[in-house]
Amino acid sequence: MTRSNALHIEKELATTFDDFYTQSEKMAVCARWCADNILTDEIIPVSELLAKHVLLSPSLKSLPLIIWQGNRSWPDAAYSGRGSYFVSTYVQWDGDENDKEHSDWLYQCYSELEPFASGHYINELDRERRPENIPSCYSVANWEKTVLAEGAV
């Protein structure tokens, strides 16, 4: 058995869609939010950098999330980015006057995490500030299929 310093571990927790949506709603505590993420196999340096940045977050309601994905293999799935760990951060705040401060903090955090990224998850990627990372959400073959299907990206 390996030793863990995790605050909480869930193993194969059975849940319903209603439970999942209820949990998601409880996480969203502010009117405004933004998110970014990486997939990685290098969790130690990533967690150290993430811990450093979380202490500097302009919002106490920021929520970093690290999920071990295990060995996934979905060759035909659109979501085909690679990495044993999904690392995402959700910054939450109220008041549009704080938008730039919060989004800049998240952008800086994930700019420093980027060298450790092996991919990204498209639904939580900051596509406006990081359009160059969109292809890394897919395997090369799946990205080529996506581009061909859309005509051009």
C-alpha atoms as a PDB file:
ATOM      1  CA  MET A   1       0.000   0.000   0.000  1.00  0.00           C
ATOM      2  CA  THR A   2       1.303   3.472  -0.823  1.00  0.00           C
ATOM      3  CA  ARG A   3       1.255   6.336   1.644  1.00  0.00           C
ATOM      4  CA  SER A   4      -0.895   9.339   0.807  1.00  0.00           C
ATOM      5  CA  ASN A   5      -0.994  12.863   2.165  1.00  0.00           C
ATOM      6  CA  ALA A   6      -4.332  13.524   0.478  1.00  0.00           C
ATOM      7  CA  LEU A   7      -6.968  15.293   2.538  1.00  0.00           C
ATOM      8  CA  HIS A   8      -9.697  13.119   1.082  1.00  0.00           C
ATOM      9  CA  ILE A   9      -9.756  10.107  -1.236  1.00  0.00           C
ATOM     10  CA  GLU A  10     -12.814   8.630  -2.941  1.00  0.00           C
ATOM     11  CA  LYS A  11     -12.409   5.234  -4.599  1.00  0.00           C
ATOM     12  CA  GLU A  12     -14.933   4.170  -7.198  1.00  0.00           C
ATOM     13  CA  LEU A  13     -17.771   6.060  -5.567  1.00  0.00           C
ATOM     14  CA  ALA A  14     -21.078   5.054  -7.130  1.00  0.00           C
ATOM     15  CA  THR A  15     -23.259   8.073  -7.843  1.00  0.00           C
ATOM     16  CA  THR A  16     -26.330   9.078  -9.806  1.00  0.00           C
ATOM     17  CA  PHE A  17     -26.565  11.954 -12.255  1.00  0.00           C
ATOM     18  CA  ASP A  18     -28.761  13.800  -9.743  1.00  0.00           C
ATOM     19  CA  ASP A  19     -26.049  13.411  -7.075  1.00  0.00           C
ATOM     20  CA  PHE A  20     -23.412  14.630  -9.515  1.00  0.00           C
ATOM     21  CA  TYR A  21     -25.403  17.747 -10.431  1.00  0.00           C
ATOM     22  CA  THR A  22     -26.167  18.494  -6.770  1.00  0.00           C
ATOM     23  CA  GLN A  23     -22.455  18.295  -5.907  1.00  0.00           C
ATOM     24  CA  SER A  24     -21.600  20.550  -8.853  1.00  0.00           C
ATOM     25  CA  GLU A  25     -24.178  23.143  -7.788  1.00  0.00           C
ATOM     26  CA  LYS A  26     -22.758  23.224  -4.248  1.00  0.00           C
ATOM     27  CA  MET A  27     -19.291  23.998  -5.644  1.00  0.00           C
ATOM     28  CA  ALA A  28     -20.532  27.100  -7.490  1.00  0.00           C
ATOM     29  CA  VAL A  29     -20.866  29.656  -4.702  1.00  0.00           C
ATOM     30  CA  CYS A  30     -20.350  32.943  -6.594  1.00  0.00           C
ATOM     31  CA  ALA A  31     -21.956  34.706  -9.523  1.00  0.00           C
ATOM     32  CA  ARG A  32     -18.767  34.780 -11.607  1.00  0.00           C
ATOM     33  CA  TRP A  33     -16.096  32.193 -12.290  1.00  0.00           C
ATOM     34  CA  CYS A  34     -13.452  31.010 -14.726  1.00  0.00           C
ATOM     35  CA  ALA A  35     -11.525  27.771 -15.079  1.00  0.00           C
ATOM     36  CA  ASP A  36      -8.410  26.324 -16.660  1.00  0.00           C
ATOM     37  CA  ASN A  37      -6.755  22.917 -16.597  1.00  0.00           C
ATOM     38  CA  ILE A  38      -3.979  20.602 -17.624  1.00  0.00           C
ATOM     39  CA  LEU A  39      -3.574  16.855 -17.956  1.00  0.00           C
ATOM     40  CA  THR A  40      -0.247  15.674 -16.590  1.00  0.00           C
ATOM     41  CA  ASP A  41       1.830  12.729 -15.462  1.00  0.00           C
ATOM     42  CA  GLU A  42       4.102  14.990 -13.384  1.00  0.00           C
ATOM     43  CA  ILE A  43       1.914  15.526 -10.340  1.00  0.00           C
ATOM     44  CA  ILE A  44       4.606  16.393  -7.770  1.00  0.00           C
ATOM     45  CA  PRO A  45       5.924  19.606  -9.413  1.00  0.00           C
ATOM     46  CA  VAL A  46       2.389  20.485 -10.538  1.00  0.00           C
ATOM     47  CA  SER A  47       0.946  20.162  -7.025  1.00  0.00           C
ATOM     48  CA  GLU A  48       3.825  22.217  -5.592  1.00  0.00           C
ATOM     49  CA  LEU A  49       3.251  25.035  -8.097  1.00  0.00           C
ATOM     50  CA  LEU A  50      -0.511  24.849  -7.617  1.00  0.00           C
ATOM     51  CA  ALA A  51      -0.119  25.097  -3.829  1.00  0.00           C
ATOM     52  CA  LYS A  52       2.067  28.193  -4.254  1.00  0.00           C
ATOM     53  CA  HIS A  53      -0.487  29.879  -6.501  1.00  0.00           C
ATOM     54  CA  VAL A  54      -3.541  28.986  -4.429  1.00  0.00           C
ATOM     55  CA  LEU A  55      -2.045  30.936  -1.532  1.00  0.00           C
ATOM     56  CA  LEU A  56      -1.926  33.998  -3.813  1.00  0.00           C
ATOM     57  CA  SER A  57      -5.459  33.646  -5.173  1.00  0.00           C
ATOM     58  CA  PRO A  58      -7.509  36.856  -5.054  1.00  0.00           C
ATOM     59  CA  SER A  59     -10.503  34.759  -3.981  1.00  0.00           C
ATOM     60  CA  LEU A  60     -10.802  32.503  -0.964  1.00  0.00           C
ATOM     61  CA  LYS A  61     -13.461  30.635  -2.916  1.00  0.00           C
ATOM     62  CA  SER A  62     -11.043  29.381  -5.566  1.00  0.00           C
ATOM     63  CA  LEU A  63     -11.246  25.631  -5.903  1.00  0.00           C
ATOM     64  CA  PRO A  64      -8.330  23.581  -7.234  1.00  0.00           C
ATOM     65  CA  LEU A  65      -9.120  19.999  -8.175  1.00  0.00           C
ATOM     66  CA  ILE A  66      -6.754  17.089  -8.832  1.00  0.00           C
ATOM     67  CA  ILE A  67      -8.211  13.831 -10.113  1.00  0.00           C
ATOM     68  CA  TRP A  68      -6.177  10.707 -10.745  1.00  0.00           C
ATOM     69  CA  GLN A  69      -7.602   9.226 -13.921  1.00  0.00           C
ATOM     70  CA  GLY A  70      -5.703   5.961 -13.935  1.00  0.00           C
ATOM     71  CA  ASN A  71      -4.904   4.318 -17.211  1.00  0.00           C
ATOM     72  CA  ARG A  72      -7.578   5.459 -19.634  1.00  0.00           C
ATOM     73  CA  SER A  73      -7.977   4.182 -23.154  1.00  0.00           C
ATOM     74  CA  TRP A  74     -10.755   5.614 -25.294  1.00  0.00           C
ATOM     75  CA  PRO A  75      -9.321   5.448 -28.802  1.00  0.00           C
ATOM     76  CA  ASP A  76     -12.511   6.569 -30.552  1.00  0.00           C
ATOM     77  CA  ALA A  77     -13.566   9.213 -28.030  1.00  0.00           C
ATOM     78  CA  ALA A  78     -13.290  12.911 -28.819  1.00  0.00           C
ATOM     79  CA  TYR A  79     -11.827  13.430 -25.339  1.00  0.00           C
ATOM     80  CA  SER A  80      -8.497  11.791 -25.974  1.00  0.00           C
ATOM     81  CA  GLY A  81      -5.972  14.054 -24.246  1.00  0.00           C
ATOM     82  CA  ARG A  82      -3.386  12.084 -22.289  1.00  0.00           C
ATOM     83  CA  GLY A  83      -2.282  12.392 -18.679  1.00  0.00           C
ATOM     84  CA  SER A  84      -2.746  10.351 -15.513  1.00  0.00           C
ATOM     85  CA  TYR A  85      -3.941  13.418 -13.592  1.00  0.00           C
ATOM     86  CA  PHE A  86      -6.562  16.005 -14.402  1.00  0.00           C
ATOM     87  CA  VAL A  87      -5.690  19.292 -12.674  1.00  0.00           C
ATOM     88  CA  SER A  88      -8.215  22.105 -12.846  1.00  0.00           C
ATOM     89  CA  THR A  89      -8.849  25.290 -10.902  1.00  0.00           C
ATOM     90  CA  TYR A  90     -12.138  27.149 -10.635  1.00  0.00           C
ATOM     91  CA  VAL A  91     -11.797  30.776  -9.546  1.00  0.00           C
ATOM     92  CA  GLN A  92     -15.027  32.231  -8.166  1.00  0.00           C
ATOM     93  CA  TRP A  93     -15.960  35.794  -7.224  1.00  0.00           C
ATOM     94  CA  ASP A  94     -18.769  38.300  -7.231  1.00  0.00           C
ATOM     95  CA  GLY A  95     -18.735  41.639  -9.054  1.00  0.00           C
ATOM     96  CA  ASP A  96     -17.597  42.235 -12.634  1.00  0.00           C
ATOM     97  CA  GLU A  97     -15.160  44.895 -11.441  1.00  0.00           C
ATOM     98  CA  ASN A  98     -12.917  42.006 -10.309  1.00  0.00           C
ATOM     99  CA  ASP A  99     -12.936  40.043 -13.578  1.00  0.00           C
ATOM    100  CA  LYS A 100      -9.453  41.008 -14.756  1.00  0.00           C
ATOM    101  CA  GLU A 101      -7.771  40.385 -11.393  1.00  0.00           C
ATOM    102  CA  HIS A 102      -9.194  36.875 -11.116  1.00  0.00           C
ATOM    103  CA  SER A 103      -8.708  35.819 -14.722  1.00  0.00           C
ATOM    104  CA  ASP A 104      -5.145  37.206 -14.730  1.00  0.00           C
ATOM    105  CA  TRP A 105      -4.319  35.209 -11.591  1.00  0.00           C
ATOM    106  CA  LEU A 106      -5.609  31.989 -13.165  1.00  0.00           C
ATOM    107  CA  TYR A 107      -3.815  32.683 -16.439  1.00  0.00           C
ATOM    108  CA  GLN A 108      -0.504  33.214 -14.608  1.00  0.00           C
ATOM    109  CA  CYS A 109      -0.977  30.041 -12.576  1.00  0.00           C
ATOM    110  CA  TYR A 110      -1.651  27.868 -15.609  1.00  0.00           C
ATOM    111  CA  SER A 111       1.117  29.528 -17.632  1.00  0.00           C
ATOM    112  CA  GLU A 112       3.536  28.195 -15.014  1.00  0.00           C
ATOM    113  CA  LEU A 113       1.855  24.765 -15.068  1.00  0.00           C
ATOM    114  CA  GLU A 114       1.931  24.538 -18.878  1.00  0.00           C
ATOM    115  CA  PRO A 115       5.452  23.022 -19.143  1.00  0.00           C
ATOM    116  CA  PHE A 116       4.134  19.984 -17.245  1.00  0.00           C
ATOM    117  CA  ALA A 117       1.015  19.561 -19.406  1.00  0.00           C
ATOM    118  CA  SER A 118       0.610  16.497 -21.585  1.00  0.00           C
ATOM    119  CA  GLY A 119      -2.841  17.635 -22.700  1.00  0.00           C
ATOM    120  CA  HIS A 120      -5.973  19.555 -21.725  1.00  0.00           C
ATOM    121  CA  TYR A 121      -9.703  19.014 -21.293  1.00  0.00           C
ATOM    122  CA  ILE A 122     -11.603  21.138 -23.825  1.00  0.00           C
ATOM    123  CA  ASN A 123     -14.619  21.981 -21.613  1.00  0.00           C
ATOM    124  CA  GLU A 124     -12.518  23.691 -18.945  1.00  0.00           C
ATOM    125  CA  LEU A 125      -9.754  25.133 -21.108  1.00  0.00           C
ATOM    126  CA  ASP A 126      -9.412  28.923 -21.304  1.00  0.00           C
ATOM    127  CA  ARG A 127      -9.945  28.864 -25.067  1.00  0.00           C
ATOM    128  CA  GLU A 128      -9.944  32.648 -25.390  1.00  0.00           C
ATOM    129  CA  ARG A 129      -6.494  33.127 -23.855  1.00  0.00           C
ATOM    130  CA  ARG A 130      -5.007  29.755 -24.854  1.00  0.00           C
ATOM    131  CA  PRO A 131      -6.340  28.880 -28.324  1.00  0.00           C
ATOM    132  CA  GLU A 132      -3.007  27.235 -29.150  1.00  0.00           C
ATOM    133  CA  ASN A 133      -3.826  24.520 -26.565  1.00  0.00           C
ATOM    134  CA  ILE A 134      -7.049  23.403 -28.220  1.00  0.00           C
ATOM    135  CA  PRO A 135      -5.380  20.671 -30.343  1.00  0.00           C
ATOM    136  CA  SER A 136      -3.799  19.176 -27.190  1.00  0.00           C
ATOM    137  CA  CYS A 137      -7.285  18.246 -25.958  1.00  0.00           C
ATOM    138  CA  TYR A 138      -7.334  15.459 -28.530  1.00  0.00           C
ATOM    139  CA  SER A 139      -5.065  12.750 -29.865  1.00  0.00           C
ATOM    140  CA  VAL A 140      -3.431  13.745 -33.151  1.00  0.00           C
ATOM    141  CA  ALA A 141      -5.739  11.438 -35.106  1.00  0.00           C
ATOM    142  CA  ASN A 142      -8.883  12.730 -33.351  1.00  0.00           C
ATOM    143  CA  TRP A 143      -7.807  16.356 -33.830  1.00  0.00           C
ATOM    144  CA  GLU A 144      -7.333  15.743 -37.551  1.00  0.00           C
ATOM    145  CA  LYS A 145     -10.819  14.191 -37.716  1.00  0.00           C
ATOM    146  CA  THR A 146     -12.246  17.203 -35.861  1.00  0.00           C
ATOM    147  CA  VAL A 147     -10.583  19.702 -38.177  1.00  0.00           C
ATOM    148  CA  LEU A 148     -11.730  17.769 -41.252  1.00  0.00           C
ATOM    149  CA  ALA A 149     -15.295  17.553 -39.905  1.00  0.00           C
ATOM    150  CA  GLU A 150     -15.468  21.293 -39.193  1.00  0.00           C
ATOM    151  CA  GLY A 151     -13.696  22.330 -42.384  1.00  0.00           C
ATOM    152  CA  ALA A 152     -11.153  24.412 -40.431  1.00  0.00           C
ATOM    153  CA  VAL A 153     -10.639  25.642 -36.919  1.00  0.00           C
END
